[in-house]
Amino acid sequence: MAQALAKHLRTSISGVASRHSVLVIEDDPLIGMLLIDYLEDLGFRVCGTASTEDRAVELATLHQPDLITSDIQLARGDGVTAIRRIRFERWVPVLFVSGSLNNEARMFHDVARIAKPFDIGSLALGIAKATAIDALNLRSA
């Protein structure tokens, strides 16, 4: 079922994805590679990967991604603070991908979340939610 959902979402977001870049914030190299593979399978261009809070902010400033996927716990710092710092400078849709969606992460009402472990279907659905939240925010601004 997840694969069928991924195929459907891949078809429906492929036009959007091909024009969008994603910054991956993840400190586990294997999960980072899996995210990159799935994102590229969905048609996105990964513009960078970061394993620390400071590097995430640096890459977001440099590449101006259209979407960010972020873990919560990082090698140094955390994803929640990284997203706050990034969004202080520029709005960007966010998908938290984490095994520990802590209370601080839940305080964000304008991000999508998926739990680890994940598959391509849940990633695609999370991206669809993140972009829908972003569209709603833009309309209400």
N, C-alpha and C. Protein backbone atom coordinates (compact mmCIF):
# COMPACT_ATOMS: atom_id res chain seq x y z
N MET A 1 0.81 -1.18 0.00
CA MET A 1 0.00 0.00 0.00
C MET A 1 0.87 1.27 0.00
N ALA A 2 1.93 1.26 0.82
CA ALA A 2 2.81 2.44 0.87
C ALA A 2 3.44 2.69 -0.49
N GLN A 3 3.80 1.64 -1.20
CA GLN A 3 4.41 1.81 -2.52
C GLN A 3 3.41 2.38 -3.51
N ALA A 4 2.15 1.95 -3.42
CA ALA A 4 1.11 2.48 -4.31
C ALA A 4 0.88 3.96 -4.02
N LEU A 5 0.86 4.31 -2.73
CA LEU A 5 0.71 5.71 -2.36
C LEU A 5 1.89 6.53 -2.87
N ALA A 6 3.08 5.99 -2.71
CA ALA A 6 4.28 6.70 -3.19
C ALA A 6 4.20 6.92 -4.69
N LYS A 7 3.75 5.90 -5.43
CA LYS A 7 3.64 6.04 -6.89
C LYS A 7 2.63 7.13 -7.25
N HIS A 8 1.49 7.13 -6.56
CA HIS A 8 0.48 8.15 -6.82
C HIS A 8 1.02 9.55 -6.50
N LEU A 9 1.63 9.68 -5.32
CA LEU A 9 2.17 10.99 -4.93
C LEU A 9 3.32 11.41 -5.82
N ARG A 10 4.15 10.45 -6.25
CA ARG A 10 5.26 10.75 -7.15
C ARG A 10 4.71 11.36 -8.44
N THR A 11 3.63 10.79 -8.95
CA THR A 11 3.02 11.30 -10.16
C THR A 11 2.42 12.69 -9.93
N SER A 12 1.75 12.87 -8.80
CA SER A 12 1.06 14.14 -8.56
C SER A 12 2.00 15.27 -8.17
N ILE A 13 3.18 14.95 -7.57
CA ILE A 13 4.09 16.03 -7.18
C ILE A 13 5.31 16.13 -8.08
N SER A 14 5.39 15.29 -9.11
CA SER A 14 6.61 15.28 -9.91
C SER A 14 6.88 16.60 -10.61
N GLY A 15 5.85 17.27 -11.09
CA GLY A 15 6.06 18.56 -11.73
C GLY A 15 6.58 19.60 -10.76
N VAL A 16 6.04 19.58 -9.56
CA VAL A 16 6.48 20.51 -8.52
C VAL A 16 7.88 20.12 -8.05
N ALA A 17 8.09 18.84 -7.82
CA ALA A 17 9.36 18.36 -7.26
C ALA A 17 10.54 18.70 -8.16
N SER A 18 10.36 18.58 -9.46
CA SER A 18 11.49 18.80 -10.36
C SER A 18 12.01 20.22 -10.32
N ARG A 19 11.20 21.13 -9.79
CA ARG A 19 11.62 22.53 -9.68
C ARG A 19 12.02 22.90 -8.26
N HIS A 20 12.03 21.95 -7.34
CA HIS A 20 12.25 22.26 -5.94
C HIS A 20 13.48 21.57 -5.37
N SER A 21 14.19 22.33 -4.55
CA SER A 21 15.37 21.80 -3.88
C SER A 21 15.04 21.53 -2.41
N VAL A 22 15.75 20.55 -1.86
CA VAL A 22 15.51 20.13 -0.49
C VAL A 22 16.84 20.11 0.26
N LEU A 23 16.83 20.66 1.46
CA LEU A 23 17.95 20.55 2.38
C LEU A 23 17.61 19.44 3.36
N VAL A 24 18.51 18.47 3.50
CA VAL A 24 18.33 17.36 4.43
C VAL A 24 19.17 17.62 5.67
N ILE A 25 18.53 17.68 6.83
CA ILE A 25 19.23 17.84 8.10
C ILE A 25 19.09 16.52 8.85
N GLU A 26 20.17 15.77 8.90
CA GLU A 26 20.15 14.41 9.48
C GLU A 26 21.55 14.03 9.89
N ASP A 27 21.72 13.56 11.12
CA ASP A 27 23.07 13.21 11.58
C ASP A 27 23.42 11.73 11.42
N ASP A 28 22.47 10.90 11.07
CA ASP A 28 22.74 9.49 10.82
C ASP A 28 23.01 9.31 9.33
N PRO A 29 24.25 8.93 8.95
CA PRO A 29 24.59 8.86 7.52
C PRO A 29 23.71 7.89 6.72
N LEU A 30 23.32 6.78 7.30
CA LEU A 30 22.49 5.82 6.57
C LEU A 30 21.09 6.37 6.32
N ILE A 31 20.52 6.99 7.32
CA ILE A 31 19.19 7.59 7.15
C ILE A 31 19.28 8.75 6.17
N GLY A 32 20.37 9.52 6.25
CA GLY A 32 20.57 10.60 5.30
C GLY A 32 20.61 10.11 3.87
N MET A 33 21.33 9.02 3.63
CA MET A 33 21.40 8.45 2.28
C MET A 33 20.03 7.95 1.82
N LEU A 34 19.29 7.33 2.74
CA LEU A 34 17.94 6.85 2.41
C LEU A 34 17.04 8.02 2.04
N LEU A 35 17.09 9.09 2.82
CA LEU A 35 16.30 10.28 2.51
C LEU A 35 16.65 10.83 1.13
N ILE A 36 17.94 10.93 0.86
CA ILE A 36 18.37 11.45 -0.45
C ILE A 36 17.84 10.57 -1.57
N ASP A 37 17.98 9.25 -1.43
CA ASP A 37 17.48 8.33 -2.46
C ASP A 37 15.98 8.51 -2.68
N TYR A 38 15.22 8.52 -1.59
CA TYR A 38 13.77 8.67 -1.70
C TYR A 38 13.40 10.02 -2.32
N LEU A 39 14.04 11.09 -1.86
CA LEU A 39 13.74 12.42 -2.40
C LEU A 39 14.03 12.48 -3.89
N GLU A 40 15.17 11.94 -4.30
CA GLU A 40 15.50 11.93 -5.73
C GLU A 40 14.54 11.04 -6.51
N ASP A 41 14.11 9.91 -5.94
CA ASP A 41 13.10 9.07 -6.59
C ASP A 41 11.79 9.82 -6.77
N LEU A 42 11.50 10.73 -5.85
CA LEU A 42 10.27 11.53 -5.95
C LEU A 42 10.44 12.74 -6.87
N GLY A 43 11.66 12.95 -7.36
CA GLY A 43 11.89 14.02 -8.32
C GLY A 43 12.49 15.29 -7.75
N PHE A 44 12.81 15.29 -6.47
CA PHE A 44 13.41 16.47 -5.85
C PHE A 44 14.91 16.51 -6.08
N ARG A 45 15.47 17.71 -5.98
CA ARG A 45 16.92 17.91 -6.06
C ARG A 45 17.40 18.23 -4.65
N VAL A 46 18.30 17.40 -4.14
CA VAL A 46 18.85 17.65 -2.81
C VAL A 46 20.00 18.63 -2.96
N CYS A 47 19.87 19.79 -2.31
CA CYS A 47 20.88 20.85 -2.46
C CYS A 47 21.96 20.78 -1.40
N GLY A 48 21.75 19.98 -0.35
CA GLY A 48 22.77 19.85 0.68
C GLY A 48 22.30 18.97 1.82
N THR A 49 23.27 18.51 2.61
CA THR A 49 22.97 17.73 3.80
C THR A 49 23.78 18.31 4.96
N ALA A 50 23.17 18.31 6.13
CA ALA A 50 23.84 18.83 7.32
C ALA A 50 23.58 17.88 8.48
N SER A 51 24.59 17.70 9.33
CA SER A 51 24.43 16.85 10.50
C SER A 51 24.47 17.64 11.80
N THR A 52 24.69 18.95 11.71
CA THR A 52 24.71 19.80 12.90
C THR A 52 23.81 21.03 12.68
N GLU A 53 23.42 21.62 13.78
CA GLU A 53 22.56 22.80 13.72
C GLU A 53 23.23 23.95 12.96
N ASP A 54 24.48 24.25 13.29
CA ASP A 54 25.16 25.37 12.63
C ASP A 54 25.32 25.14 11.14
N ARG A 55 25.66 23.92 10.75
CA ARG A 55 25.83 23.61 9.32
C ARG A 55 24.49 23.72 8.59
N ALA A 56 23.43 23.31 9.25
CA ALA A 56 22.09 23.41 8.63
C ALA A 56 21.74 24.86 8.33
N VAL A 57 22.00 25.74 9.29
CA VAL A 57 21.71 27.17 9.10
C VAL A 57 22.58 27.73 7.98
N GLU A 58 23.85 27.35 7.97
CA GLU A 58 24.78 27.80 6.93
C GLU A 58 24.31 27.37 5.54
N LEU A 59 23.95 26.10 5.39
CA LEU A 59 23.52 25.59 4.08
C LEU A 59 22.17 26.19 3.65
N ALA A 60 21.28 26.41 4.61
CA ALA A 60 19.98 27.02 4.27
C ALA A 60 20.18 28.43 3.75
N THR A 61 21.10 29.16 4.35
CA THR A 61 21.41 30.52 3.90
C THR A 61 22.04 30.50 2.51
N LEU A 62 22.94 29.56 2.30
CA LEU A 62 23.66 29.45 1.03
C LEU A 62 22.75 29.01 -0.11
N HIS A 63 21.96 27.96 0.11
CA HIS A 63 21.20 27.34 -0.98
C HIS A 63 19.75 27.80 -1.10
N GLN A 64 19.19 28.42 -0.05
CA GLN A 64 17.80 28.87 -0.08
C GLN A 64 16.86 27.75 -0.56
N PRO A 65 16.82 26.61 0.15
CA PRO A 65 16.01 25.47 -0.31
C PRO A 65 14.52 25.78 -0.31
N ASP A 66 13.79 25.02 -1.12
CA ASP A 66 12.34 25.15 -1.20
C ASP A 66 11.63 24.34 -0.12
N LEU A 67 12.35 23.37 0.47
CA LEU A 67 11.80 22.48 1.49
C LEU A 67 12.96 22.00 2.35
N ILE A 68 12.70 21.77 3.63
CA ILE A 68 13.71 21.19 4.52
C ILE A 68 13.13 19.97 5.19
N THR A 69 13.90 18.87 5.20
CA THR A 69 13.59 17.74 6.06
C THR A 69 14.58 17.80 7.20
N SER A 70 14.11 17.60 8.43
CA SER A 70 15.00 17.74 9.58
C SER A 70 14.72 16.70 10.65
N ASP A 71 15.80 16.11 11.14
CA ASP A 71 15.75 15.29 12.34
C ASP A 71 15.64 16.25 13.53
N ILE A 72 15.26 15.75 14.68
CA ILE A 72 15.17 16.58 15.89
C ILE A 72 16.51 16.61 16.61
N GLN A 73 17.06 15.43 16.88
CA GLN A 73 18.32 15.35 17.61
C GLN A 73 19.47 15.25 16.61
N LEU A 74 20.44 16.15 16.74
CA LEU A 74 21.57 16.20 15.82
C LEU A 74 22.87 15.95 16.56
N ALA A 75 23.94 15.76 15.80
CA ALA A 75 25.26 15.53 16.40
C ALA A 75 25.64 16.67 17.33
N ARG A 76 25.42 17.91 16.88
CA ARG A 76 25.62 19.10 17.71
C ARG A 76 24.44 20.03 17.46
N GLY A 77 23.80 20.42 18.56
CA GLY A 77 22.62 21.24 18.42
C GLY A 77 21.39 20.38 18.20
N ASP A 78 20.32 20.99 17.72
CA ASP A 78 19.11 20.23 17.45
C ASP A 78 18.35 20.82 16.27
N GLY A 79 17.51 19.99 15.68
CA GLY A 79 16.76 20.40 14.50
C GLY A 79 15.74 21.48 14.76
N VAL A 80 15.12 21.46 15.94
CA VAL A 80 14.10 22.46 16.28
C VAL A 80 14.73 23.86 16.29
N THR A 81 15.87 23.99 16.95
CA THR A 81 16.54 25.29 17.00
C THR A 81 17.05 25.69 15.62
N ALA A 82 17.55 24.73 14.87
CA ALA A 82 18.01 25.03 13.50
C ALA A 82 16.87 25.61 12.67
N ILE A 83 15.70 25.00 12.75
CA ILE A 83 14.55 25.48 11.97
C ILE A 83 14.14 26.88 12.44
N ARG A 84 14.13 27.10 13.74
CA ARG A 84 13.81 28.45 14.24
C ARG A 84 14.79 29.48 13.68
N ARG A 85 16.08 29.15 13.71
CA ARG A 85 17.09 30.09 13.21
C ARG A 85 16.94 30.33 11.71
N ILE A 86 16.67 29.27 10.97
CA ILE A 86 16.50 29.40 9.51
C ILE A 86 15.26 30.24 9.20
N ARG A 87 14.16 29.94 9.89
CA ARG A 87 12.93 30.67 9.62
C ARG A 87 12.96 32.10 10.12
N PHE A 88 13.85 32.43 11.00
CA PHE A 88 14.00 33.82 11.43
C PHE A 88 14.44 34.68 10.25
N GLU A 89 15.23 34.09 9.36
CA GLU A 89 15.73 34.79 8.18
C GLU A 89 14.80 34.65 6.98
N ARG A 90 14.16 33.48 6.83
CA ARG A 90 13.39 33.20 5.62
C ARG A 90 12.42 32.05 5.87
N TRP A 91 11.20 32.24 5.43
CA TRP A 91 10.20 31.17 5.58
C TRP A 91 10.52 30.02 4.64
N VAL A 92 10.37 28.79 5.11
CA VAL A 92 10.55 27.60 4.28
C VAL A 92 9.70 26.48 4.87
N PRO A 93 9.03 25.71 4.02
CA PRO A 93 8.26 24.57 4.53
C PRO A 93 9.20 23.51 5.14
N VAL A 94 8.72 22.85 6.19
CA VAL A 94 9.55 21.90 6.94
C VAL A 94 8.80 20.60 7.16
N LEU A 95 9.55 19.50 7.03
CA LEU A 95 9.08 18.18 7.40
C LEU A 95 10.05 17.62 8.43
N PHE A 96 9.58 17.47 9.69
CA PHE A 96 10.41 16.81 10.69
C PHE A 96 10.33 15.30 10.46
N VAL A 97 11.49 14.67 10.39
CA VAL A 97 11.61 13.22 10.22
C VAL A 97 12.41 12.74 11.41
N SER A 98 11.74 12.15 12.39
CA SER A 98 12.45 11.85 13.63
C SER A 98 11.85 10.67 14.37
N GLY A 99 12.71 10.01 15.12
CA GLY A 99 12.26 8.94 16.01
C GLY A 99 11.78 9.50 17.33
N SER A 100 12.02 10.78 17.57
CA SER A 100 11.62 11.40 18.84
C SER A 100 11.00 12.77 18.56
N LEU A 101 9.72 12.77 18.32
CA LEU A 101 9.02 14.04 18.10
C LEU A 101 8.68 14.61 19.46
N ASN A 102 9.64 15.34 20.03
CA ASN A 102 9.50 15.86 21.39
C ASN A 102 8.49 16.99 21.47
N ASN A 103 8.21 17.41 22.69
CA ASN A 103 7.21 18.46 22.91
C ASN A 103 7.57 19.76 22.22
N GLU A 104 8.86 20.09 22.19
CA GLU A 104 9.28 21.33 21.54
C GLU A 104 8.96 21.29 20.04
N ALA A 105 9.19 20.14 19.41
CA ALA A 105 8.88 19.99 17.99
C ALA A 105 7.37 20.04 17.76
N ARG A 106 6.60 19.53 18.70
CA ARG A 106 5.14 19.53 18.55
C ARG A 106 4.56 20.93 18.68
N MET A 107 5.32 21.86 19.23
CA MET A 107 4.84 23.24 19.37
C MET A 107 4.75 23.96 18.03
N PHE A 108 5.46 23.45 17.03
CA PHE A 108 5.34 24.01 15.69
C PHE A 108 4.00 23.56 15.12
N HIS A 109 3.16 24.51 14.78
CA HIS A 109 1.86 24.16 14.20
C HIS A 109 1.91 24.26 12.67
N ASP A 110 3.03 24.70 12.16
CA ASP A 110 3.15 24.93 10.72
C ASP A 110 4.23 24.06 10.08
N VAL A 111 4.42 22.87 10.63
CA VAL A 111 5.33 21.89 10.02
C VAL A 111 4.62 20.55 9.95
N ALA A 112 5.08 19.71 9.05
CA ALA A 112 4.59 18.34 8.96
C ALA A 112 5.59 17.45 9.70
N ARG A 113 5.14 16.28 10.11
CA ARG A 113 6.00 15.36 10.85
C ARG A 113 5.75 13.94 10.38
N ILE A 114 6.83 13.17 10.29
CA ILE A 114 6.72 11.72 10.14
C ILE A 114 7.72 11.09 11.09
N ALA A 115 7.41 9.88 11.51
CA ALA A 115 8.25 9.18 12.47
C ALA A 115 9.18 8.19 11.76
N LYS A 116 10.34 7.99 12.35
CA LYS A 116 11.23 6.93 11.91
C LYS A 116 10.78 5.65 12.61
N PRO A 117 10.85 4.52 11.97
CA PRO A 117 11.28 4.32 10.58
C PRO A 117 10.19 4.77 9.61
N PHE A 118 10.60 5.10 8.40
CA PHE A 118 9.68 5.60 7.39
C PHE A 118 9.96 4.89 6.07
N ASP A 119 9.02 4.99 5.16
CA ASP A 119 9.22 4.47 3.81
C ASP A 119 8.94 5.61 2.82
N ILE A 120 9.10 5.34 1.56
CA ILE A 120 8.93 6.39 0.55
C ILE A 120 7.50 6.94 0.54
N GLY A 121 6.53 6.07 0.84
CA GLY A 121 5.14 6.53 0.88
C GLY A 121 4.89 7.53 1.99
N SER A 122 5.39 7.22 3.19
CA SER A 122 5.18 8.16 4.30
C SER A 122 5.97 9.44 4.09
N LEU A 123 7.15 9.35 3.47
CA LEU A 123 7.92 10.55 3.14
C LEU A 123 7.15 11.42 2.15
N ALA A 124 6.63 10.81 1.10
CA ALA A 124 5.87 11.56 0.10
C ALA A 124 4.64 12.21 0.72
N LEU A 125 3.96 11.49 1.58
CA LEU A 125 2.78 12.05 2.25
C LEU A 125 3.19 13.21 3.16
N GLY A 126 4.30 13.06 3.87
CA GLY A 126 4.79 14.14 4.72
C GLY A 126 5.13 15.38 3.92
N ILE A 127 5.75 15.19 2.76
CA ILE A 127 6.08 16.33 1.89
C ILE A 127 4.80 17.00 1.40
N ALA A 128 3.81 16.20 1.03
CA ALA A 128 2.53 16.77 0.60
C ALA A 128 1.91 17.60 1.71
N LYS A 129 1.99 17.11 2.95
CA LYS A 129 1.46 17.87 4.09
C LYS A 129 2.24 19.17 4.29
N ALA A 130 3.57 19.08 4.23
CA ALA A 130 4.42 20.27 4.44
C ALA A 130 4.11 21.33 3.40
N THR A 131 3.94 20.93 2.16
CA THR A 131 3.68 21.91 1.11
C THR A 131 2.25 22.45 1.20
N ALA A 132 1.30 21.62 1.67
CA ALA A 132 -0.07 22.09 1.86
C ALA A 132 -0.12 23.11 3.00
N ILE A 133 0.59 22.84 4.09
CA ILE A 133 0.66 23.79 5.20
C ILE A 133 1.26 25.10 4.71
N ASP A 134 2.31 24.99 3.90
CA ASP A 134 2.95 26.19 3.36
C ASP A 134 1.98 26.98 2.50
N ALA A 135 1.22 26.31 1.66
CA ALA A 135 0.25 26.99 0.80
C ALA A 135 -0.81 27.70 1.63
N LEU A 136 -1.27 27.08 2.70
CA LEU A 136 -2.26 27.70 3.58
C LEU A 136 -1.67 28.92 4.27
N ASN A 137 -0.41 28.84 4.70
CA ASN A 137 0.25 29.98 5.34
C ASN A 137 0.38 31.15 4.39
N LEU A 138 0.72 30.85 3.11
CA LEU A 138 0.87 31.92 2.13
C LEU A 138 -0.45 32.61 1.85
N ARG A 139 -1.54 31.85 1.82
CA ARG A 139 -2.85 32.44 1.54
C ARG A 139 -3.34 33.30 2.70
N SER A 140 -2.96 32.93 3.92
CA SER A 140 -3.45 33.69 5.08
C SER A 140 -2.54 34.88 5.40
N ALA A 141 -1.39 34.99 4.73
CA ALA A 141 -0.46 36.09 5.03
C ALA A 141 -0.92 37.40 4.44
